[in-house]
């Protein structure tokens, strides 16, 4: 009886060790891939970075971060595209990746403000065509994100930047929103990292934006 229990325990231990080893290998491959993708992005090899993030997303079915970063790279690149057909195709791909991230992590403020950024690319491309519809949608997105995460510095900063753009367009004071950028900076300084690849930081951009605020 005792020997049988020992054999069972040994089998369970070996099984757990095998599972741990497999998970560790997968985690290492994931981390290596993510690190490489960030390295490519950091050296402005944006196309390669987006493609690698997307490949990782296809392997990491339950992880919102790879599709989120793949979409983010594409969205930022979208600001440089001047052909509407190319821009639409480009942002449609980014949208599909954002939708994938949203399906994994619903009501995620990081994803919500990135959706607003995608909308902003369209507005920046042709404000007359896209401004009316997407401006209202962005107000709703930023309001929702702020309600979910009122002390998330990226949410506070992104909303303030959007509000400043609107205030300038309508000839209104930007002072209230400059104060929000100051608040975002303080929140950035207090922020603690949630995970190795979780969105983090942005204080440098906020400080630069504050210098230009009110001008």
N, C-alpha and C. Protein backbone atom coordinates (compact mmCIF):
# COMPACT_ATOMS: atom_id res chain seq x y z
N UNK A 1 0.83 -1.21 0.00
CA UNK A 1 0.00 0.00 0.00
C UNK A 1 0.87 1.26 0.00
N UNK A 2 1.86 1.26 0.88
CA UNK A 2 2.77 2.40 1.00
C UNK A 2 3.57 2.59 -0.28
N UNK A 3 4.02 1.44 -0.86
CA UNK A 3 4.80 1.50 -2.11
C UNK A 3 3.95 2.05 -3.26
N UNK A 4 2.70 1.63 -3.29
CA UNK A 4 1.80 2.12 -4.35
C UNK A 4 1.59 3.62 -4.24
N UNK A 5 1.46 4.10 -3.00
CA UNK A 5 1.30 5.54 -2.78
C UNK A 5 2.55 6.30 -3.22
N UNK A 6 3.69 5.72 -2.90
CA UNK A 6 4.96 6.35 -3.29
C UNK A 6 5.10 6.43 -4.81
N UNK A 7 4.68 5.33 -5.48
CA UNK A 7 4.74 5.31 -6.95
C UNK A 7 3.83 6.38 -7.55
N UNK A 8 2.61 6.49 -6.98
CA UNK A 8 1.66 7.49 -7.46
C UNK A 8 2.20 8.91 -7.26
N UNK A 9 2.77 9.13 -6.06
CA UNK A 9 3.33 10.45 -5.76
C UNK A 9 4.49 10.78 -6.70
N UNK A 10 5.29 9.74 -6.99
CA UNK A 10 6.43 9.93 -7.89
C UNK A 10 5.96 10.29 -9.29
N UNK A 11 4.89 9.61 -9.73
CA UNK A 11 4.33 9.89 -11.05
C UNK A 11 3.79 11.31 -11.12
N UNK A 12 3.06 11.70 -10.05
CA UNK A 12 2.49 13.05 -10.00
C UNK A 12 3.59 14.10 -10.01
N UNK A 13 4.65 13.84 -9.22
CA UNK A 13 5.78 14.76 -9.15
C UNK A 13 6.45 14.91 -10.51
N UNK A 14 6.66 13.76 -11.18
CA UNK A 14 7.29 13.78 -12.50
C UNK A 14 6.42 14.51 -13.52
N UNK A 15 5.09 14.30 -13.41
CA UNK A 15 4.16 14.96 -14.32
C UNK A 15 4.17 16.48 -14.12
N UNK A 16 4.15 16.89 -12.84
CA UNK A 16 4.19 18.32 -12.53
C UNK A 16 5.49 18.94 -13.01
N UNK A 17 6.58 18.21 -12.83
CA UNK A 17 7.89 18.71 -13.27
C UNK A 17 7.93 18.87 -14.78
N UNK A 18 7.31 17.90 -15.49
CA UNK A 18 7.27 17.96 -16.95
C UNK A 18 6.43 19.16 -17.42
N UNK A 19 5.26 19.33 -16.77
CA UNK A 19 4.39 20.46 -17.12
C UNK A 19 5.12 21.77 -16.87
N UNK A 20 5.80 21.89 -15.73
CA UNK A 20 6.54 23.10 -15.40
C UNK A 20 7.63 23.37 -16.42
N UNK A 21 8.34 22.29 -16.84
CA UNK A 21 9.42 22.43 -17.81
C UNK A 21 8.88 22.90 -19.15
N UNK A 22 7.73 22.34 -19.57
CA UNK A 22 7.11 22.73 -20.84
C UNK A 22 6.66 24.19 -20.77
N UNK A 23 6.02 24.58 -19.65
CA UNK A 23 5.57 25.96 -19.48
C UNK A 23 6.73 26.93 -19.46
N UNK A 24 7.83 26.53 -18.82
CA UNK A 24 9.01 27.38 -18.72
C UNK A 24 9.62 27.61 -20.10
N UNK A 25 9.66 26.51 -20.90
CA UNK A 25 10.19 26.63 -22.27
C UNK A 25 9.33 27.56 -23.10
N UNK A 26 8.00 27.38 -22.98
CA UNK A 26 7.07 28.24 -23.74
C UNK A 26 7.21 29.69 -23.31
N UNK A 27 7.35 29.87 -21.98
CA UNK A 27 7.51 31.23 -21.47
C UNK A 27 8.79 31.86 -21.99
N UNK A 28 9.86 31.07 -22.01
CA UNK A 28 11.13 31.60 -22.50
C UNK A 28 11.04 31.97 -23.98
N UNK A 29 10.35 31.13 -24.76
CA UNK A 29 10.18 31.43 -26.18
C UNK A 29 9.35 32.70 -26.35
N UNK A 30 8.31 32.83 -25.53
CA UNK A 30 7.46 34.03 -25.55
C UNK A 30 8.28 35.26 -25.20
N UNK A 31 9.04 35.18 -24.13
CA UNK A 31 9.84 36.32 -23.69
C UNK A 31 10.90 36.69 -24.72
N UNK A 32 11.55 35.68 -25.29
CA UNK A 32 12.55 35.95 -26.33
C UNK A 32 11.92 36.65 -27.53
N UNK A 33 10.75 36.14 -27.93
CA UNK A 33 10.05 36.74 -29.06
C UNK A 33 9.64 38.17 -28.80
N UNK A 34 9.08 38.41 -27.63
CA UNK A 34 8.65 39.77 -27.27
C UNK A 34 9.85 40.72 -27.18
N UNK A 35 10.90 40.25 -26.55
CA UNK A 35 12.11 41.09 -26.44
C UNK A 35 12.65 41.45 -27.82
N UNK A 36 12.64 40.47 -28.73
CA UNK A 36 13.12 40.71 -30.09
C UNK A 36 12.23 41.71 -30.81
N UNK A 37 10.90 41.57 -30.63
CA UNK A 37 9.96 42.48 -31.27
C UNK A 37 10.15 43.92 -30.77
N UNK A 38 10.36 44.07 -29.48
CA UNK A 38 10.61 45.41 -28.92
C UNK A 38 11.94 45.97 -29.42
N UNK A 39 12.90 45.09 -29.58
CA UNK A 39 14.21 45.52 -30.10
C UNK A 39 14.06 46.04 -31.54
N UNK A 40 13.29 45.32 -32.35
CA UNK A 40 13.04 45.75 -33.74
C UNK A 40 12.31 47.09 -33.76
N UNK A 41 11.33 47.22 -32.90
CA UNK A 41 10.56 48.46 -32.81
C UNK A 41 11.45 49.61 -32.37
N UNK A 42 12.33 49.33 -31.40
CA UNK A 42 13.23 50.35 -30.89
C UNK A 42 14.24 50.84 -31.91
N UNK A 43 14.54 49.99 -32.91
CA UNK A 43 15.49 50.37 -33.97
C UNK A 43 14.75 50.79 -35.25
N UNK A 44 13.45 51.12 -35.08
CA UNK A 44 12.59 51.64 -36.14
C UNK A 44 12.37 50.65 -37.29
N UNK A 45 12.50 49.36 -37.00
CA UNK A 45 12.14 48.33 -37.97
C UNK A 45 10.69 47.94 -37.67
N UNK A 46 9.82 48.90 -37.92
CA UNK A 46 8.44 48.77 -37.47
C UNK A 46 7.66 47.66 -38.16
N UNK A 47 7.87 47.49 -39.44
CA UNK A 47 7.17 46.44 -40.17
C UNK A 47 7.52 45.07 -39.61
N UNK A 48 8.82 44.86 -39.39
CA UNK A 48 9.28 43.58 -38.85
C UNK A 48 8.77 43.38 -37.43
N UNK A 49 8.75 44.46 -36.65
CA UNK A 49 8.26 44.37 -35.27
C UNK A 49 6.79 43.98 -35.24
N UNK A 50 5.98 44.64 -36.07
CA UNK A 50 4.55 44.34 -36.11
C UNK A 50 4.30 42.90 -36.54
N UNK A 51 5.06 42.44 -37.52
CA UNK A 51 4.91 41.07 -38.00
C UNK A 51 5.26 40.06 -36.92
N UNK A 52 6.32 40.35 -36.15
CA UNK A 52 6.73 39.44 -35.08
C UNK A 52 5.71 39.44 -33.95
N UNK A 53 5.23 40.62 -33.57
CA UNK A 53 4.17 40.68 -32.55
C UNK A 53 2.95 39.88 -32.99
N UNK A 54 2.64 39.96 -34.28
CA UNK A 54 1.48 39.24 -34.80
C UNK A 54 1.71 37.73 -34.77
N UNK A 55 2.91 37.30 -35.09
CA UNK A 55 3.22 35.86 -35.02
C UNK A 55 3.11 35.36 -33.59
N UNK A 56 3.59 36.16 -32.66
CA UNK A 56 3.49 35.78 -31.25
C UNK A 56 2.03 35.71 -30.84
N UNK A 57 1.23 36.66 -31.33
CA UNK A 57 -0.21 36.67 -31.03
C UNK A 57 -0.89 35.40 -31.51
N UNK A 58 -0.47 34.90 -32.66
CA UNK A 58 -1.06 33.68 -33.21
C UNK A 58 -0.71 32.45 -32.36
N UNK A 59 0.43 32.52 -31.67
CA UNK A 59 0.85 31.42 -30.80
C UNK A 59 0.28 31.56 -29.39
N UNK A 60 0.16 32.82 -28.94
CA UNK A 60 -0.33 33.10 -27.57
C UNK A 60 -1.81 33.49 -27.65
N UNK A 61 -2.65 32.48 -27.76
CA UNK A 61 -4.08 32.71 -28.03
C UNK A 61 -4.80 33.47 -26.92
N UNK A 62 -4.33 33.35 -25.70
CA UNK A 62 -5.04 33.96 -24.56
C UNK A 62 -4.30 35.16 -23.98
N UNK A 63 -3.40 35.73 -24.74
CA UNK A 63 -2.58 36.84 -24.26
C UNK A 63 -2.89 38.09 -25.10
N UNK A 64 -3.40 39.13 -24.47
CA UNK A 64 -3.81 40.34 -25.20
C UNK A 64 -2.63 41.22 -25.62
N UNK A 65 -1.49 41.04 -24.99
CA UNK A 65 -0.38 41.95 -25.23
C UNK A 65 0.20 41.89 -26.65
N UNK A 66 0.47 40.69 -27.21
CA UNK A 66 1.03 40.68 -28.58
C UNK A 66 0.15 41.34 -29.63
N UNK A 67 -1.16 41.03 -29.69
CA UNK A 67 -1.97 41.73 -30.70
C UNK A 67 -2.10 43.23 -30.40
N UNK A 68 -2.10 43.58 -29.13
CA UNK A 68 -2.16 45.00 -28.75
C UNK A 68 -0.93 45.75 -29.27
N UNK A 69 0.24 45.16 -29.09
CA UNK A 69 1.46 45.84 -29.56
C UNK A 69 1.57 45.83 -31.08
N UNK A 70 1.14 44.73 -31.71
CA UNK A 70 1.14 44.69 -33.18
C UNK A 70 0.26 45.81 -33.73
N UNK A 71 -0.92 45.97 -33.13
CA UNK A 71 -1.83 47.04 -33.56
C UNK A 71 -1.23 48.42 -33.31
N UNK A 72 -0.60 48.59 -32.15
CA UNK A 72 -0.03 49.89 -31.79
C UNK A 72 1.04 50.33 -32.78
N UNK A 73 1.91 49.41 -33.17
CA UNK A 73 2.96 49.73 -34.15
C UNK A 73 2.33 50.18 -35.46
N UNK A 74 1.34 49.44 -35.92
CA UNK A 74 0.68 49.78 -37.18
C UNK A 74 -0.04 51.13 -37.10
N UNK A 75 -0.69 51.38 -35.98
CA UNK A 75 -1.42 52.64 -35.81
C UNK A 75 -0.48 53.83 -35.86
N UNK A 76 0.61 53.75 -35.14
CA UNK A 76 1.58 54.85 -35.13
C UNK A 76 2.15 55.08 -36.53
N UNK A 77 2.43 54.00 -37.24
CA UNK A 77 2.92 54.12 -38.62
C UNK A 77 1.88 54.76 -39.54
N UNK A 78 0.61 54.59 -39.18
CA UNK A 78 -0.47 55.12 -40.01
C UNK A 78 -0.43 56.64 -40.17
N UNK A 79 0.15 57.34 -39.21
CA UNK A 79 0.21 58.80 -39.30
C UNK A 79 1.06 59.27 -40.49
N UNK A 80 1.93 58.40 -40.99
CA UNK A 80 2.82 58.79 -42.09
C UNK A 80 2.26 58.42 -43.46
N UNK A 81 1.14 57.70 -43.51
CA UNK A 81 0.58 57.25 -44.79
C UNK A 81 -0.29 58.36 -45.38
N UNK A 82 -0.07 58.66 -46.65
CA UNK A 82 -0.77 59.77 -47.31
C UNK A 82 -1.81 59.31 -48.33
N UNK A 83 -1.81 58.03 -48.67
CA UNK A 83 -2.77 57.49 -49.62
C UNK A 83 -3.94 56.87 -48.86
N UNK A 84 -5.17 57.30 -49.16
CA UNK A 84 -6.33 56.87 -48.37
C UNK A 84 -6.59 55.37 -48.48
N UNK A 85 -6.45 54.81 -49.67
CA UNK A 85 -6.68 53.37 -49.84
C UNK A 85 -5.68 52.56 -49.03
N UNK A 86 -4.42 52.98 -49.08
CA UNK A 86 -3.38 52.29 -48.31
C UNK A 86 -3.62 52.45 -46.81
N UNK A 87 -4.02 53.66 -46.41
CA UNK A 87 -4.29 53.92 -45.00
C UNK A 87 -5.44 53.05 -44.49
N UNK A 88 -6.50 52.96 -45.28
CA UNK A 88 -7.66 52.16 -44.87
C UNK A 88 -7.28 50.69 -44.70
N UNK A 89 -6.53 50.14 -45.65
CA UNK A 89 -6.10 48.75 -45.56
C UNK A 89 -5.19 48.54 -44.35
N UNK A 90 -4.31 49.51 -44.15
CA UNK A 90 -3.35 49.45 -43.04
C UNK A 90 -4.09 49.47 -41.69
N UNK A 91 -5.04 50.38 -41.55
CA UNK A 91 -5.75 50.51 -40.28
C UNK A 91 -6.79 49.41 -40.09
N UNK A 92 -7.28 48.84 -41.18
CA UNK A 92 -8.18 47.68 -41.05
C UNK A 92 -7.45 46.51 -40.40
N UNK A 93 -6.19 46.35 -40.78
CA UNK A 93 -5.38 45.28 -40.18
C UNK A 93 -5.14 45.58 -38.70
N UNK A 94 -4.83 46.83 -38.40
CA UNK A 94 -4.64 47.23 -37.01
C UNK A 94 -5.91 47.02 -36.20
N UNK A 95 -7.06 47.33 -36.82
CA UNK A 95 -8.34 47.17 -36.14
C UNK A 95 -8.61 45.70 -35.81
N UNK A 96 -8.29 44.82 -36.75
CA UNK A 96 -8.49 43.38 -36.53
C UNK A 96 -7.66 42.89 -35.34
N UNK A 97 -6.45 43.41 -35.23
CA UNK A 97 -5.58 43.04 -34.11
C UNK A 97 -6.11 43.61 -32.79
N UNK A 98 -6.60 44.84 -32.84
CA UNK A 98 -7.20 45.43 -31.62
C UNK A 98 -8.45 44.65 -31.20
N UNK A 99 -9.24 44.24 -32.17
CA UNK A 99 -10.44 43.44 -31.88
C UNK A 99 -10.04 42.12 -31.21
N UNK A 100 -8.95 41.56 -31.68
CA UNK A 100 -8.44 40.30 -31.10
C UNK A 100 -8.02 40.52 -29.65
N UNK A 101 -7.32 41.62 -29.41
CA UNK A 101 -6.88 41.95 -28.05
C UNK A 101 -8.09 42.20 -27.14
N UNK A 102 -9.09 42.90 -27.67
CA UNK A 102 -10.30 43.21 -26.90
C UNK A 102 -11.08 41.95 -26.53
N UNK A 103 -11.12 40.99 -27.46
CA UNK A 103 -11.83 39.73 -27.20
C UNK A 103 -11.19 38.97 -26.04
N UNK A 104 -9.88 39.14 -25.89
CA UNK A 104 -9.15 38.46 -24.81
C UNK A 104 -9.27 39.24 -23.50
N UNK A 105 -9.22 40.57 -23.60
CA UNK A 105 -9.23 41.43 -22.41
C UNK A 105 -10.25 42.56 -22.59
N UNK A 106 -11.49 42.30 -22.20
CA UNK A 106 -12.56 43.28 -22.38
C UNK A 106 -12.42 44.43 -21.37
N UNK A 107 -12.89 45.60 -21.77
CA UNK A 107 -12.86 46.79 -20.93
C UNK A 107 -11.46 47.09 -20.39
N UNK A 108 -10.49 46.89 -21.25
CA UNK A 108 -9.09 47.15 -20.90
C UNK A 108 -8.76 48.60 -21.30
N UNK A 109 -8.43 49.46 -20.33
CA UNK A 109 -8.21 50.88 -20.67
C UNK A 109 -7.07 51.11 -21.64
N UNK A 110 -6.04 50.25 -21.60
CA UNK A 110 -4.92 50.41 -22.53
C UNK A 110 -5.37 50.18 -23.97
N UNK A 111 -6.23 49.19 -24.15
CA UNK A 111 -6.76 48.89 -25.49
C UNK A 111 -7.74 49.98 -25.93
N UNK A 112 -8.54 50.45 -25.00
CA UNK A 112 -9.55 51.48 -25.32
C UNK A 112 -8.89 52.76 -25.84
N UNK A 113 -7.83 53.21 -25.16
CA UNK A 113 -7.19 54.46 -25.62
C UNK A 113 -6.42 54.23 -26.92
N UNK A 114 -6.03 52.99 -27.18
CA UNK A 114 -5.36 52.70 -28.46
C UNK A 114 -6.37 52.70 -29.60
N UNK A 115 -7.60 52.29 -29.30
CA UNK A 115 -8.68 52.41 -30.29
C UNK A 115 -8.90 53.88 -30.63
N UNK A 116 -8.87 54.72 -29.61
CA UNK A 116 -9.02 56.16 -29.83
C UNK A 116 -7.88 56.71 -30.67
N UNK A 117 -6.68 56.17 -30.46
CA UNK A 117 -5.53 56.61 -31.25
C UNK A 117 -5.71 56.21 -32.71
N UNK A 118 -6.23 55.03 -32.95
CA UNK A 118 -6.51 54.60 -34.33
C UNK A 118 -7.50 55.57 -34.99
N UNK A 119 -8.54 55.94 -34.26
CA UNK A 119 -9.50 56.91 -34.79
C UNK A 119 -8.83 58.25 -35.11
N UNK A 120 -7.88 58.62 -34.26
CA UNK A 120 -7.18 59.89 -34.44
C UNK A 120 -6.36 59.91 -35.72
N UNK A 121 -5.85 58.75 -36.13
CA UNK A 121 -5.11 58.67 -37.39
C UNK A 121 -6.02 59.07 -38.55
N UNK A 122 -7.26 58.55 -38.54
CA UNK A 122 -8.23 58.91 -39.58
C UNK A 122 -8.54 60.40 -39.54
N UNK A 123 -8.75 60.94 -38.34
CA UNK A 123 -9.09 62.36 -38.19
C UNK A 123 -7.93 63.24 -38.68
N UNK A 124 -6.70 62.83 -38.33
CA UNK A 124 -5.52 63.59 -38.76
C UNK A 124 -5.36 63.54 -40.28
N UNK A 125 -5.77 62.43 -40.89
CA UNK A 125 -5.65 62.29 -42.34
C UNK A 125 -6.65 63.18 -43.06
N UNK A 126 -7.90 63.19 -42.59
CA UNK A 126 -8.94 64.00 -43.23
C UNK A 126 -9.99 64.36 -42.19
N UNK A 127 -9.77 65.49 -41.54
CA UNK A 127 -10.66 65.92 -40.48
C UNK A 127 -12.06 66.20 -40.95
N UNK A 128 -12.18 66.72 -42.17
CA UNK A 128 -13.49 67.05 -42.71
C UNK A 128 -14.33 65.79 -42.93
N UNK A 129 -13.69 64.74 -43.38
CA UNK A 129 -14.40 63.50 -43.67
C UNK A 129 -14.67 62.66 -42.43
N UNK A 130 -13.66 62.58 -41.54
CA UNK A 130 -13.76 61.67 -40.40
C UNK A 130 -13.99 62.35 -39.05
N UNK A 131 -13.76 63.66 -39.00
CA UNK A 131 -13.76 64.36 -37.73
C UNK A 131 -15.06 64.28 -36.96
N UNK A 132 -16.17 64.55 -37.61
CA UNK A 132 -17.46 64.62 -36.92
C UNK A 132 -17.80 63.29 -36.24
N UNK A 133 -17.73 62.21 -36.98
CA UNK A 133 -18.12 60.91 -36.46
C UNK A 133 -17.13 60.41 -35.40
N UNK A 134 -15.85 60.44 -35.73
CA UNK A 134 -14.87 59.82 -34.86
C UNK A 134 -14.52 60.67 -33.65
N UNK A 135 -14.71 61.97 -33.72
CA UNK A 135 -14.46 62.82 -32.56
C UNK A 135 -15.42 62.46 -31.43
N UNK A 136 -16.68 62.29 -31.77
CA UNK A 136 -17.67 61.89 -30.77
C UNK A 136 -17.36 60.52 -30.20
N UNK A 137 -16.92 59.61 -31.06
CA UNK A 137 -16.57 58.27 -30.61
C UNK A 137 -15.37 58.31 -29.66
N UNK A 138 -14.40 59.16 -29.98
CA UNK A 138 -13.22 59.27 -29.12
C UNK A 138 -13.56 59.84 -27.75
N UNK A 139 -14.44 60.79 -27.70
CA UNK A 139 -14.86 61.35 -26.41
C UNK A 139 -15.45 60.23 -25.54
N UNK A 140 -16.25 59.38 -26.15
CA UNK A 140 -16.85 58.26 -25.42
C UNK A 140 -15.78 57.26 -24.96
N UNK A 141 -14.82 56.99 -25.84
CA UNK A 141 -13.75 56.04 -25.50
C UNK A 141 -12.90 56.55 -24.34
N UNK A 142 -12.49 57.81 -24.42
CA UNK A 142 -11.65 58.36 -23.35
C UNK A 142 -12.41 58.46 -22.03
N UNK A 143 -13.68 58.81 -22.11
CA UNK A 143 -14.51 58.87 -20.90
C UNK A 143 -14.63 57.50 -20.26
N UNK A 144 -14.84 56.48 -21.10
CA UNK A 144 -14.95 55.10 -20.61
C UNK A 144 -13.64 54.65 -19.97
N UNK A 145 -12.53 54.89 -20.65
CA UNK A 145 -11.22 54.47 -20.13
C UNK A 145 -10.92 55.15 -18.80
N UNK A 146 -11.24 56.45 -18.71
CA UNK A 146 -10.98 57.19 -17.48
C UNK A 146 -11.85 56.70 -16.33
N UNK A 147 -13.06 56.29 -16.65
CA UNK A 147 -13.96 55.75 -15.62
C UNK A 147 -13.42 54.43 -15.08
N UNK A 148 -12.88 53.60 -15.97
CA UNK A 148 -12.33 52.30 -15.57
C UNK A 148 -11.02 52.48 -14.79
N UNK A 149 -10.18 53.38 -15.28
CA UNK A 149 -8.84 53.55 -14.68
C UNK A 149 -8.53 55.03 -14.50
N UNK A 150 -9.13 55.68 -13.50
CA UNK A 150 -8.96 57.13 -13.33
C UNK A 150 -7.54 57.56 -13.00
N UNK A 151 -6.72 56.63 -12.53
CA UNK A 151 -5.35 56.97 -12.17
C UNK A 151 -4.31 56.31 -13.06
N UNK A 152 -4.75 55.84 -14.21
CA UNK A 152 -3.81 55.30 -15.19
C UNK A 152 -3.18 56.48 -15.93
N UNK A 153 -1.86 56.68 -15.80
CA UNK A 153 -1.25 57.88 -16.38
C UNK A 153 -1.38 57.98 -17.89
N UNK A 154 -1.37 56.83 -18.59
CA UNK A 154 -1.50 56.88 -20.05
C UNK A 154 -2.91 57.30 -20.46
N UNK A 155 -3.89 56.86 -19.68
CA UNK A 155 -5.27 57.26 -19.95
C UNK A 155 -5.45 58.76 -19.71
N UNK A 156 -4.97 59.24 -18.58
CA UNK A 156 -5.09 60.66 -18.23
C UNK A 156 -4.39 61.53 -19.27
N UNK A 157 -3.19 61.11 -19.65
CA UNK A 157 -2.39 61.88 -20.61
C UNK A 157 -3.03 61.87 -22.00
N UNK A 158 -3.46 60.71 -22.46
CA UNK A 158 -4.07 60.59 -23.79
C UNK A 158 -5.35 61.42 -23.88
N UNK A 159 -6.17 61.36 -22.84
CA UNK A 159 -7.41 62.14 -22.84
C UNK A 159 -7.10 63.65 -22.84
N UNK A 160 -6.10 64.04 -22.06
CA UNK A 160 -5.73 65.46 -22.00
C UNK A 160 -5.26 65.96 -23.37
N UNK A 161 -4.46 65.13 -24.06
CA UNK A 161 -3.98 65.52 -25.38
C UNK A 161 -5.13 65.68 -26.37
N UNK A 162 -6.07 64.75 -26.31
CA UNK A 162 -7.24 64.84 -27.19
C UNK A 162 -8.05 66.09 -26.87
N UNK A 163 -8.26 66.36 -25.59
CA UNK A 163 -9.04 67.53 -25.18
C UNK A 163 -8.34 68.83 -25.58
N UNK A 164 -7.02 68.85 -25.51
CA UNK A 164 -6.26 70.04 -25.92
C UNK A 164 -6.46 70.30 -27.41
N UNK A 165 -6.42 69.24 -28.20
CA UNK A 165 -6.64 69.38 -29.64
C UNK A 165 -8.01 69.95 -29.93
N UNK A 166 -9.03 69.46 -29.20
CA UNK A 166 -10.38 69.97 -29.39
C UNK A 166 -10.51 71.42 -28.97
N UNK A 167 -9.88 71.77 -27.84
CA UNK A 167 -9.93 73.15 -27.34
C UNK A 167 -9.29 74.12 -28.32
N UNK A 168 -8.16 73.72 -28.89
CA UNK A 168 -7.47 74.57 -29.87
C UNK A 168 -8.33 74.75 -31.12
N UNK A 169 -8.98 73.69 -31.54
CA UNK A 169 -9.81 73.74 -32.74
C UNK A 169 -10.96 74.73 -32.56
N UNK A 170 -11.54 74.75 -31.35
CA UNK A 170 -12.69 75.62 -31.10
C UNK A 170 -12.28 76.95 -30.45
N UNK A 171 -10.97 77.21 -30.37
CA UNK A 171 -10.49 78.47 -29.83
C UNK A 171 -10.73 78.64 -28.34
N UNK A 172 -10.74 77.52 -27.61
CA UNK A 172 -10.99 77.55 -26.17
C UNK A 172 -9.68 77.44 -25.39
N UNK A 173 -9.75 77.72 -24.09
CA UNK A 173 -8.56 77.62 -23.24
C UNK A 173 -8.14 76.16 -23.05
N UNK A 174 -6.84 75.95 -23.09
CA UNK A 174 -6.30 74.60 -22.87
C UNK A 174 -5.84 74.41 -21.43
N UNK A 175 -5.95 75.44 -20.62
CA UNK A 175 -5.41 75.41 -19.26
C UNK A 175 -5.91 74.23 -18.41
N UNK A 176 -7.23 73.93 -18.43
CA UNK A 176 -7.69 72.79 -17.62
C UNK A 176 -7.03 71.48 -18.02
N UNK A 177 -6.72 71.34 -19.30
CA UNK A 177 -6.15 70.10 -19.80
C UNK A 177 -4.64 70.05 -19.58
N UNK A 178 -4.02 71.23 -19.51
CA UNK A 178 -2.60 71.30 -19.13
C UNK A 178 -2.42 70.80 -17.71
N UNK A 179 -3.41 71.12 -16.86
CA UNK A 179 -3.38 70.64 -15.48
C UNK A 179 -3.49 69.12 -15.43
N UNK A 180 -4.24 68.57 -16.36
CA UNK A 180 -4.38 67.11 -16.42
C UNK A 180 -3.07 66.46 -16.86
N UNK A 181 -2.33 67.13 -17.73
CA UNK A 181 -1.01 66.60 -18.12
C UNK A 181 -0.08 66.60 -16.90
N UNK A 182 -0.16 67.66 -16.10
CA UNK A 182 0.64 67.71 -14.86
C UNK A 182 0.27 66.54 -13.95
N UNK A 183 -1.04 66.27 -13.86
CA UNK A 183 -1.49 65.15 -13.04
C UNK A 183 -0.98 63.82 -13.59
N UNK A 184 -0.99 63.70 -14.91
CA UNK A 184 -0.49 62.48 -15.54
C UNK A 184 0.99 62.26 -15.21
N UNK A 185 1.76 63.34 -15.22
CA UNK A 185 3.19 63.24 -14.91
C UNK A 185 3.40 62.71 -13.50
N UNK A 186 2.62 63.22 -12.58
CA UNK A 186 2.72 62.73 -11.20
C UNK A 186 2.34 61.26 -11.10
N UNK A 187 1.31 60.87 -11.85
CA UNK A 187 0.89 59.47 -11.85
C UNK A 187 1.94 58.57 -12.49
N UNK A 188 2.58 59.06 -13.55
CA UNK A 188 3.66 58.30 -14.18
C UNK A 188 4.78 58.01 -13.17
N UNK A 189 5.10 59.01 -12.38
CA UNK A 189 6.20 58.88 -11.42
C UNK A 189 5.88 57.88 -10.30
N UNK A 190 4.59 57.72 -10.02
CA UNK A 190 4.18 56.81 -8.94
C UNK A 190 3.85 55.40 -9.45
N UNK A 191 3.76 55.27 -10.75
CA UNK A 191 3.29 54.00 -11.33
C UNK A 191 4.23 52.84 -11.04
N UNK A 192 3.64 51.70 -10.75
CA UNK A 192 4.40 50.47 -10.55
C UNK A 192 4.09 49.51 -11.69
N UNK A 193 5.10 48.85 -12.16
CA UNK A 193 4.94 47.96 -13.31
C UNK A 193 4.13 46.72 -12.93
N UNK A 194 3.16 46.38 -13.76
CA UNK A 194 2.29 45.22 -13.48
C UNK A 194 2.87 43.92 -14.00
N UNK A 195 3.68 44.01 -15.02
CA UNK A 195 4.26 42.82 -15.63
C UNK A 195 5.36 43.22 -16.58
N UNK A 196 6.19 42.26 -16.98
CA UNK A 196 7.35 42.57 -17.80
C UNK A 196 6.99 43.31 -19.09
N UNK A 197 5.92 42.90 -19.74
CA UNK A 197 5.57 43.49 -21.04
C UNK A 197 4.30 44.35 -20.98
N UNK A 198 3.78 44.54 -19.79
CA UNK A 198 2.58 45.36 -19.65
C UNK A 198 2.91 46.82 -19.97
N UNK A 199 2.00 47.53 -20.64
CA UNK A 199 2.24 48.96 -20.93
C UNK A 199 2.68 49.70 -19.67
N UNK A 200 3.71 50.50 -19.83
CA UNK A 200 4.29 51.19 -18.67
C UNK A 200 5.04 52.43 -19.14
N UNK A 201 4.97 53.48 -18.33
CA UNK A 201 5.77 54.66 -18.62
C UNK A 201 5.15 55.58 -19.65
N UNK A 202 5.91 56.62 -19.97
CA UNK A 202 5.46 57.65 -20.91
C UNK A 202 5.67 59.04 -20.35
N UNK A 203 6.37 59.12 -19.22
CA UNK A 203 6.54 60.41 -18.55
C UNK A 203 7.31 61.41 -19.42
N UNK A 204 8.26 60.91 -20.21
CA UNK A 204 9.05 61.83 -21.06
C UNK A 204 8.16 62.55 -22.07
N UNK A 205 7.25 61.80 -22.69
CA UNK A 205 6.34 62.42 -23.66
C UNK A 205 5.41 63.42 -22.98
N UNK A 206 4.97 63.06 -21.78
CA UNK A 206 4.08 63.96 -21.04
C UNK A 206 4.80 65.25 -20.65
N UNK A 207 6.04 65.14 -20.22
CA UNK A 207 6.81 66.32 -19.85
C UNK A 207 7.08 67.22 -21.05
N UNK A 208 7.31 66.60 -22.20
CA UNK A 208 7.52 67.37 -23.43
C UNK A 208 6.23 68.07 -23.84
N UNK A 209 5.12 67.37 -23.70
CA UNK A 209 3.82 67.96 -24.04
C UNK A 209 3.49 69.12 -23.11
N UNK A 210 3.88 69.00 -21.84
CA UNK A 210 3.62 70.07 -20.88
C UNK A 210 4.38 71.34 -21.25
N UNK A 211 5.59 71.18 -21.79
CA UNK A 211 6.38 72.34 -22.21
C UNK A 211 5.68 73.12 -23.31
N UNK A 212 4.95 72.39 -24.17
CA UNK A 212 4.26 73.02 -25.30
C UNK A 212 2.84 73.47 -24.93
N UNK A 213 2.39 73.07 -23.77
CA UNK A 213 1.00 73.32 -23.37
C UNK A 213 0.75 74.82 -23.17
N UNK A 214 -0.35 75.26 -23.75
CA UNK A 214 -0.72 76.66 -23.60
C UNK A 214 -0.12 77.57 -24.65
N UNK A 215 0.75 77.00 -25.50
CA UNK A 215 1.40 77.84 -26.53
C UNK A 215 0.54 77.91 -27.77
